[in-house]
């Protein structure tokens, strides 16, 4: 069976807004997804958390729609949300086609005219919500208190990945209205945005609406110096122990590498495969070694993720007894050495490819939401400069050979990493 080609067209408005259309009338709804090319990496020390704070503020009303967004959009949608990471902020709605014009108008209004009705009352409300969210996800979440500690070590200052996307509580608390307004005016502009619509809609009419509602919004030039790959300055392996304050019940071994595998880097696919072979599922190498055969660990997770400037490779293992830290660390590193020595089969590569294909195809089955077609079109447009790359998404992964994964293992072995023993408070 041949793969499905996604119809992709792209227009750029006179103010720089890039609009991507993927028409598919087999769908019963239209998915709108807009990316602003701003994340926590665009913040400054002392002013962290602004990108995520604005994710919240964008739902609190704009000049011509000065009310809570959810109260208007939820009744006409099957989903609405937003998210922030280190590199971008996005917003999306899955709606009935007859309401597409309304949502396009609302998106344009909060891009161009949100700050005209942004008040201290709204700001203080969202600051409290964000601080509470931070407490839930870090201080009061199992192992959450380790993340800031780790991030500060593997991406030492002044790297813009030094802090978590949610920011520091003290920075959020002291954020001023004038500072947040300036942040919006700098980054929430057409020339720093990508808007994708996927699903059931009329293309000609939709383009007219985009031009009508977005076309008069002023833009500016964005300084893109911090969108270029930047390697961590971590120079040697570091070992740390910490007594956890979060409500965790098991000790944990965390091994994390800062990597040069930024989005679309040559070694991104092979590190993805290495993480799959090491720790994806009960048949993976570390699962077999640490859980099935030795019962040293309760659970484990191996992940590799690429961001715009750099990547991270993480091995997290929930262990049964604190005395096993050193033994589990040695088994884990030895398994990476084992792969680097060439002890890897073609079958393992094929299995990793099939798992990745399955994951991508599941994403492509949906038009909207996180990771759906509209979201992926913006991903390829912002990071790759061409949304049509969605039709070749698997090409780089199909080319991965056994030697590439061997090279990925070698890369980890010669790259400095953090080894953290997370102990449970007695």
Protein backbone atom coordinates (compact mmCIF):
# COMPACT_ATOMS: atom_id res chain seq x y z
CA UNK A 1 0.00 0.00 0.00
CA UNK A 2 1.44 3.36 -1.00
CA UNK A 3 1.63 6.11 1.57
CA UNK A 4 -0.96 8.86 1.59
CA UNK A 5 0.24 12.19 0.21
CA UNK A 6 -0.99 15.20 2.12
CA UNK A 7 -2.11 18.16 0.01
CA UNK A 8 -0.11 21.14 1.26
CA UNK A 9 -0.32 24.72 0.05
CA UNK A 10 1.35 27.73 1.62
CA UNK A 11 0.77 31.45 1.26
CA UNK A 12 2.54 34.33 2.98
CA UNK A 13 0.62 37.51 3.75
CA UNK A 14 2.19 40.93 3.15
CA UNK A 15 2.94 41.26 6.88
CA UNK A 16 4.89 38.00 6.91
CA UNK A 17 2.30 35.61 8.36
CA UNK A 18 2.79 32.16 6.83
CA UNK A 19 -0.46 30.26 6.26
CA UNK A 20 -0.52 26.54 5.44
CA UNK A 21 -3.61 24.74 4.15
CA UNK A 22 -4.23 20.98 4.12
CA UNK A 23 -7.68 20.34 2.69
CA UNK A 24 -9.25 16.97 3.50
CA UNK A 25 -13.02 16.83 3.08
CA UNK A 26 -13.17 13.32 4.48
CA UNK A 27 -12.85 14.92 7.91
CA UNK A 28 -15.89 16.30 9.69
CA UNK A 29 -14.13 19.30 11.19
CA UNK A 30 -11.44 21.91 10.55
CA UNK A 31 -8.33 21.99 12.73
CA UNK A 32 -6.67 25.37 13.19
CA UNK A 33 -3.19 25.45 14.73
CA UNK A 34 -0.96 28.51 15.14
CA UNK A 35 2.66 28.55 16.24
CA UNK A 36 4.50 31.56 17.59
CA UNK A 37 8.23 31.08 17.26
CA UNK A 38 8.92 32.00 20.87
CA UNK A 39 9.63 29.83 23.87
CA UNK A 40 11.56 29.92 27.10
CA UNK A 41 14.86 30.16 25.20
CA UNK A 42 13.87 33.68 24.13
CA UNK A 43 13.62 34.84 27.74
CA UNK A 44 16.31 36.45 29.86
CA UNK A 45 17.61 35.49 33.31
CA UNK A 46 15.41 37.23 35.85
CA UNK A 47 12.49 37.24 33.40
CA UNK A 48 11.89 33.51 32.97
CA UNK A 49 8.47 31.95 32.46
CA UNK A 50 7.14 34.76 30.23
CA UNK A 51 6.43 32.53 27.21
CA UNK A 52 4.41 30.09 29.30
CA UNK A 53 2.69 32.90 31.18
CA UNK A 54 1.52 34.32 27.87
CA UNK A 55 0.14 30.96 26.84
CA UNK A 56 -2.30 31.50 29.71
CA UNK A 57 -2.91 35.20 29.07
CA UNK A 58 -3.85 34.53 25.44
CA UNK A 59 -7.02 32.78 26.63
CA UNK A 60 -8.16 35.75 28.74
CA UNK A 61 -9.61 37.93 26.00
CA UNK A 62 -8.59 40.57 23.45
CA UNK A 63 -9.96 43.90 22.20
CA UNK A 64 -12.95 42.61 20.24
CA UNK A 65 -13.43 39.39 22.17
CA UNK A 66 -12.73 40.40 25.73
CA UNK A 67 -13.79 37.28 27.55
CA UNK A 68 -12.50 33.84 28.41
CA UNK A 69 -11.81 31.91 25.21
CA UNK A 70 -12.95 28.55 26.48
CA UNK A 71 -16.46 29.86 27.16
CA UNK A 72 -16.83 30.76 23.46
CA UNK A 73 -14.90 28.02 21.66
CA UNK A 74 -15.64 24.89 23.71
CA UNK A 75 -19.36 24.80 22.71
CA UNK A 76 -18.42 24.78 19.00
CA UNK A 77 -15.34 22.55 19.14
CA UNK A 78 -14.13 19.07 19.89
CA UNK A 79 -10.95 20.40 21.45
CA UNK A 80 -9.08 23.60 22.30
CA UNK A 81 -5.75 24.07 24.04
CA UNK A 82 -2.24 25.47 23.90
CA UNK A 83 1.26 24.58 24.99
CA UNK A 84 4.71 26.08 25.45
CA UNK A 85 8.18 24.59 25.20
CA UNK A 86 11.68 25.98 24.95
CA UNK A 87 11.29 26.97 21.29
CA UNK A 88 7.66 27.70 20.42
CA UNK A 89 4.19 28.43 21.77
CA UNK A 90 1.12 26.98 20.02
CA UNK A 91 -2.64 27.22 20.16
CA UNK A 92 -5.19 24.99 18.47
CA UNK A 93 -8.90 24.45 17.99
CA UNK A 94 -10.83 21.61 16.33
CA UNK A 95 -14.11 23.11 15.15
CA UNK A 96 -17.09 22.58 12.89
CA UNK A 97 -16.38 24.15 9.46
CA UNK A 98 -19.22 26.66 9.82
CA UNK A 99 -17.41 28.27 12.76
CA UNK A 100 -14.01 28.56 11.10
CA UNK A 101 -14.39 32.25 10.29
CA UNK A 102 -15.21 33.04 13.91
CA UNK A 103 -12.09 31.30 15.21
CA UNK A 104 -9.85 32.89 12.53
CA UNK A 105 -11.19 36.29 13.63
CA UNK A 106 -10.56 35.47 17.29
CA UNK A 107 -7.00 34.27 16.61
CA UNK A 108 -6.26 37.45 14.67
CA UNK A 109 -7.74 39.60 17.41
CA UNK A 110 -5.54 38.14 20.13
CA UNK A 111 -2.48 38.34 17.90
CA UNK A 112 -2.98 41.99 17.04
CA UNK A 113 -5.05 43.50 19.83
CA UNK A 114 -4.68 41.51 23.03
CA UNK A 115 -2.45 44.00 24.84
CA UNK A 116 -5.01 46.78 24.45
CA UNK A 117 -7.17 45.11 27.10
CA UNK A 118 -4.46 43.34 29.12
CA UNK A 119 -4.78 44.48 32.71
CA UNK A 120 -3.03 43.97 36.03
CA UNK A 121 -6.08 42.03 37.21
CA UNK A 122 -5.74 39.49 34.38
CA UNK A 123 -1.99 39.29 34.87
CA UNK A 124 -2.20 38.67 38.61
CA UNK A 125 -4.86 36.02 38.10
CA UNK A 126 -2.75 34.06 35.62
CA UNK A 127 0.43 34.48 37.66
CA UNK A 128 -1.26 32.70 40.56
CA UNK A 129 -2.48 29.91 38.27
CA UNK A 130 0.97 29.42 36.74
CA UNK A 131 2.66 29.34 40.15
CA UNK A 132 0.15 26.72 41.30
CA UNK A 133 0.81 24.72 38.12
CA UNK A 134 4.51 24.91 38.82
CA UNK A 135 4.02 23.56 42.35
CA UNK A 136 1.90 20.68 41.04
CA UNK A 137 4.40 19.70 38.32
CA UNK A 138 7.63 20.22 40.24
CA UNK A 139 7.49 20.56 44.00
CA UNK A 140 4.46 18.26 44.45
CA UNK A 141 5.05 15.79 41.60
CA UNK A 142 7.10 12.58 41.99
CA UNK A 143 10.72 13.37 41.09
CA UNK A 144 9.62 16.80 39.86
CA UNK A 145 12.10 18.57 42.10
CA UNK A 146 14.98 16.96 40.20
CA UNK A 147 14.26 18.58 36.83
CA UNK A 148 15.48 22.11 37.56
CA UNK A 149 18.52 20.67 39.28
CA UNK A 150 19.34 18.55 36.22
CA UNK A 151 18.65 21.24 33.63
CA UNK A 152 20.96 23.70 35.34
CA UNK A 153 23.81 21.18 35.20
CA UNK A 154 23.52 19.77 31.69
CA UNK A 155 22.98 23.19 30.10
CA UNK A 156 25.14 25.52 32.20
CA UNK A 157 24.53 29.27 32.06
CA UNK A 158 24.30 31.21 29.80
CA UNK A 159 22.73 28.49 27.62
CA UNK A 160 19.05 29.39 27.00
CA UNK A 161 17.97 25.85 27.94
CA UNK A 162 19.36 26.43 31.43
CA UNK A 163 15.91 26.87 32.99
CA UNK A 164 12.58 25.08 32.77
CA UNK A 165 9.90 26.41 30.42
CA UNK A 166 7.60 27.25 33.32
CA UNK A 167 10.24 29.60 34.77
CA UNK A 168 11.20 30.42 38.34
CA UNK A 169 8.51 31.34 40.83
CA UNK A 170 10.29 34.53 41.88
CA UNK A 171 10.46 35.72 38.25
CA UNK A 172 6.78 34.98 37.69
CA UNK A 173 5.76 36.79 40.85
CA UNK A 174 7.61 40.00 39.95
CA UNK A 175 6.55 40.11 36.28
CA UNK A 176 5.20 43.57 35.46
CA UNK A 177 2.35 44.44 33.12
CA UNK A 178 4.60 46.65 30.99
CA UNK A 179 7.12 43.81 30.60
CA UNK A 180 4.49 41.30 29.51
CA UNK A 181 3.02 43.77 27.01
CA UNK A 182 6.46 44.30 25.50
CA UNK A 183 7.01 40.55 25.29
CA UNK A 184 3.79 40.16 23.29
CA UNK A 185 4.64 43.08 21.00
CA UNK A 186 8.08 41.62 20.30
CA UNK A 187 7.13 38.02 19.55
CA UNK A 188 3.38 37.67 18.95
CA UNK A 189 3.52 39.19 15.49
CA UNK A 190 2.73 37.87 11.99
CA UNK A 191 6.35 37.59 10.87
CA UNK A 192 7.10 35.32 13.83
CA UNK A 193 4.11 33.04 13.30
CA UNK A 194 2.93 30.05 11.30
CA UNK A 195 -0.77 29.19 10.95
CA UNK A 196 -1.97 25.83 9.66
CA UNK A 197 -5.49 24.63 8.90
CA UNK A 198 -6.20 20.97 8.19
CA UNK A 199 -9.45 19.18 7.45
CA UNK A 200 -12.79 20.19 6.00
CA UNK A 201 -12.91 23.82 4.76
CA UNK A 202 -13.31 25.94 1.64
CA UNK A 203 -9.82 26.99 0.54
CA UNK A 204 -10.69 30.16 -1.40
CA UNK A 205 -13.00 31.47 1.31
CA UNK A 206 -10.51 30.61 4.05
CA UNK A 207 -7.71 32.53 2.31
CA UNK A 208 -10.02 35.56 2.08
CA UNK A 209 -10.72 35.35 5.81
CA UNK A 210 -7.00 35.05 6.62
CA UNK A 211 -6.23 38.12 4.54
CA UNK A 212 -9.22 40.04 5.92
CA UNK A 213 -8.54 39.46 9.61
CA UNK A 214 -4.76 39.02 9.79
CA UNK A 215 -3.66 41.19 6.86
CA UNK A 216 -3.66 44.55 8.66
CA UNK A 217 -1.78 43.42 11.77
CA UNK A 218 1.61 45.12 11.95
CA UNK A 219 4.76 43.07 12.15
CA UNK A 220 8.37 43.64 13.11
CA UNK A 221 11.78 42.10 12.58
CA UNK A 222 12.61 39.34 15.02
CA UNK A 223 16.19 38.84 16.14
CA UNK A 224 16.83 35.19 15.32
CA UNK A 225 20.33 34.90 16.78
CA UNK A 226 19.16 32.41 19.42
CA UNK A 227 17.48 30.08 16.95
CA UNK A 228 20.79 28.57 15.82
CA UNK A 229 22.14 25.28 17.26
CA UNK A 230 24.12 25.78 20.46
CA UNK A 231 26.07 22.98 22.15
CA UNK A 232 26.11 22.62 25.93
CA UNK A 233 29.29 23.73 27.70
CA UNK A 234 29.25 20.68 30.00
CA UNK A 235 32.85 19.44 29.80
CA UNK A 236 33.00 16.25 31.89
CA UNK A 237 30.85 13.58 33.49
CA UNK A 238 29.34 14.79 36.75
CA UNK A 239 27.99 12.77 39.67
CA UNK A 240 25.41 14.06 42.15
CA UNK A 241 23.20 12.75 44.89
CA UNK A 242 20.05 14.44 46.11
CA UNK A 243 17.48 13.69 48.78
CA UNK A 244 14.13 14.14 47.13
CA UNK A 245 11.53 16.42 48.64
CA UNK A 246 8.75 15.45 46.21
CA UNK A 247 6.23 12.66 47.01
CA UNK A 248 8.23 9.89 45.31
CA UNK A 249 8.21 6.36 46.75
CA UNK A 250 11.19 4.74 45.01
CA UNK A 251 14.79 5.86 44.56
CA UNK A 252 15.71 6.75 41.01
CA UNK A 253 18.82 6.71 38.86
CA UNK A 254 18.88 9.40 36.16
CA UNK A 255 21.55 9.49 33.47
CA UNK A 256 21.19 12.42 31.09
CA UNK A 257 23.27 13.69 28.22
CA UNK A 258 23.03 17.10 26.55
CA UNK A 259 23.46 16.28 22.85
CA UNK A 260 24.12 18.13 19.61
CA UNK A 261 21.10 16.38 18.06
CA UNK A 262 19.01 19.46 17.39
CA UNK A 263 15.89 19.17 15.21
CA UNK A 264 16.80 17.89 11.72
CA UNK A 265 20.41 17.21 12.70
CA UNK A 266 22.06 14.22 11.04
CA UNK A 267 22.25 12.20 14.24
CA UNK A 268 18.67 12.79 15.40
CA UNK A 269 17.21 9.59 13.85
CA UNK A 270 19.99 7.28 15.03
CA UNK A 271 19.74 8.53 18.63
CA UNK A 272 15.97 8.02 18.45
CA UNK A 273 16.57 4.40 17.40
CA UNK A 274 19.18 3.90 20.11
CA UNK A 275 16.68 5.02 22.76
CA UNK A 276 14.10 2.60 21.35
CA UNK A 277 16.49 -0.33 21.35
CA UNK A 278 17.66 0.40 24.87
CA UNK A 279 14.37 1.04 26.61
CA UNK A 280 11.15 0.87 24.57
CA UNK A 281 8.99 -1.97 25.83
CA UNK A 282 9.49 -5.29 27.59
CA UNK A 283 11.67 -6.61 24.78
CA UNK A 284 14.18 -3.77 25.03
CA UNK A 285 17.69 -4.39 26.25
CA UNK A 286 17.59 -2.53 29.56
CA UNK A 287 14.16 -3.86 30.43
CA UNK A 288 15.45 -7.39 29.95
CA UNK A 289 18.65 -6.74 31.91
CA UNK A 290 17.28 -4.69 34.81
CA UNK A 291 13.71 -5.92 35.26
CA UNK A 292 13.09 -9.31 33.65
CA UNK A 293 16.40 -11.01 34.54
CA UNK A 294 17.65 -9.27 37.70
CA UNK A 295 14.60 -7.51 39.20
CA UNK A 296 16.91 -4.65 40.16
CA UNK A 297 14.52 -2.04 38.80
CA UNK A 298 10.81 -1.43 39.13
CA UNK A 299 10.44 0.49 35.87
CA UNK A 300 12.51 2.45 33.39
CA UNK A 301 12.24 4.92 30.54
CA UNK A 302 14.72 5.84 27.83
CA UNK A 303 13.99 8.94 25.77
CA UNK A 304 15.72 11.07 23.20
CA UNK A 305 14.21 14.39 22.24
CA UNK A 306 15.46 17.08 19.92
CA UNK A 307 14.85 20.79 20.40
CA UNK A 308 15.78 23.67 18.12
CA UNK A 309 19.21 24.37 19.63
CA UNK A 310 20.22 20.98 21.06
CA UNK A 311 18.89 17.64 22.24
CA UNK A 312 18.79 15.50 25.37
CA UNK A 313 19.19 11.75 25.88
CA UNK A 314 17.74 10.50 29.14
CA UNK A 315 17.73 7.17 30.95
CA UNK A 316 15.53 7.15 34.06
CA UNK A 317 15.30 4.03 36.20
CA UNK A 318 13.09 3.55 39.25
CA UNK A 319 15.02 1.12 41.42
CA UNK A 320 14.02 -1.09 44.32
CA UNK A 321 16.90 -0.45 46.71
CA UNK A 322 19.29 2.47 47.03
CA UNK A 323 22.27 0.14 47.37
CA UNK A 324 21.81 -0.86 43.72
CA UNK A 325 22.63 2.57 42.22
CA UNK A 326 26.19 1.68 41.23
CA UNK A 327 25.33 -1.76 39.89
CA UNK A 328 22.48 -0.45 37.75
CA UNK A 329 24.60 2.40 36.43
CA UNK A 330 27.33 -0.05 35.38
CA UNK A 331 24.86 -2.39 33.66
CA UNK A 332 23.37 0.54 31.77
CA UNK A 333 26.67 1.98 30.53
CA UNK A 334 27.93 -1.52 29.71
CA UNK A 335 24.89 -2.07 27.49
CA UNK A 336 25.69 1.10 25.55
CA UNK A 337 29.28 -0.16 25.21
CA UNK A 338 27.92 -3.49 24.05
CA UNK A 339 26.05 -1.81 21.19
CA UNK A 340 29.06 0.32 20.35
CA UNK A 341 31.15 -2.86 20.02
CA UNK A 342 28.86 -3.96 17.21
CA UNK A 343 26.68 -6.37 19.15
CA UNK A 344 23.44 -5.32 17.49
CA UNK A 345 21.27 -7.13 14.96
CA UNK A 346 19.56 -5.94 11.81
CA UNK A 347 16.32 -7.21 13.34
CA UNK A 348 16.65 -4.67 16.15
CA UNK A 349 17.00 -1.88 13.59
CA UNK A 350 13.94 -3.10 11.68
CA UNK A 351 11.89 -3.29 14.88
CA UNK A 352 12.91 0.24 15.85
CA UNK A 353 11.93 1.51 12.39
CA UNK A 354 8.55 -0.18 12.60
CA UNK A 355 7.85 1.31 16.03
CA UNK A 356 8.71 4.78 14.78
CA UNK A 357 6.56 4.35 11.66
CA UNK A 358 3.63 3.25 13.82
CA UNK A 359 4.02 6.26 16.08
CA UNK A 360 4.13 8.71 13.16
CA UNK A 361 1.21 7.10 11.36
CA UNK A 362 -0.90 7.37 14.49
CA UNK A 363 -0.17 11.11 14.55
CA UNK A 364 -1.08 11.48 10.89
CA UNK A 365 -4.44 9.84 11.47
CA UNK A 366 -5.71 12.98 13.18
CA UNK A 367 -5.94 16.49 11.73
CA UNK A 368 -5.87 18.54 14.90
CA UNK A 369 -4.71 18.59 18.49
CA UNK A 370 -1.21 18.06 19.81
CA UNK A 371 0.88 16.22 17.23
CA UNK A 372 -1.84 16.12 14.57
CA UNK A 373 -1.40 17.12 10.92
CA UNK A 374 -1.91 20.86 11.48
CA UNK A 375 0.59 20.81 14.35
CA UNK A 376 3.13 18.87 12.27
CA UNK A 377 2.75 21.26 9.33
CA UNK A 378 3.79 24.11 11.62
CA UNK A 379 6.65 21.97 12.96
CA UNK A 380 8.09 21.44 9.51
CA UNK A 381 7.45 25.03 8.50
CA UNK A 382 9.04 26.67 11.57
CA UNK A 383 11.99 24.33 11.99
CA UNK A 384 12.47 23.07 8.44
CA UNK A 385 11.22 25.99 6.38
CA UNK A 386 8.96 23.75 4.30
CA UNK A 387 5.64 22.26 5.49
CA UNK A 388 5.61 19.86 2.53
CA UNK A 389 8.32 17.88 4.35
CA UNK A 390 5.43 16.20 6.15
CA UNK A 391 5.19 13.94 3.07
CA UNK A 392 8.78 12.77 3.55
CA UNK A 393 8.71 12.48 7.32
CA UNK A 394 9.98 8.90 7.36
CA UNK A 395 12.73 9.23 4.76
CA UNK A 396 15.54 10.03 7.21
CA UNK A 397 14.50 7.16 9.47
CA UNK A 398 14.25 4.63 6.68
CA UNK A 399 17.91 5.35 5.85
CA UNK A 400 19.24 4.50 9.32
CA UNK A 401 21.67 1.57 9.25
CA UNK A 402 23.12 -0.62 11.97
CA UNK A 403 26.39 1.32 11.82
CA UNK A 404 24.52 4.57 12.49
CA UNK A 405 23.18 3.21 15.78
CA UNK A 406 26.66 1.95 16.67
CA UNK A 407 27.92 5.49 16.03
CA UNK A 408 25.14 6.90 18.23
CA UNK A 409 26.26 4.67 21.09
CA UNK A 410 29.84 5.84 20.59
CA UNK A 411 28.66 9.44 20.66
CA UNK A 412 27.03 8.94 24.06
CA UNK A 413 30.13 7.24 25.45
CA UNK A 414 32.34 10.20 24.55
CA UNK A 415 29.84 12.91 25.47
CA UNK A 416 29.76 14.24 29.07
CA UNK A 417 26.68 13.27 31.06
CA UNK A 418 25.06 13.75 34.44
CA UNK A 419 24.60 10.80 36.78
CA UNK A 420 22.08 11.53 39.52
CA UNK A 421 21.23 9.32 42.49
CA UNK A 422 17.79 10.44 43.62
CA UNK A 423 17.22 9.16 47.14
CA UNK A 424 13.97 9.04 49.08
CA UNK A 425 13.63 11.23 52.15
CA UNK A 426 13.51 9.05 55.26
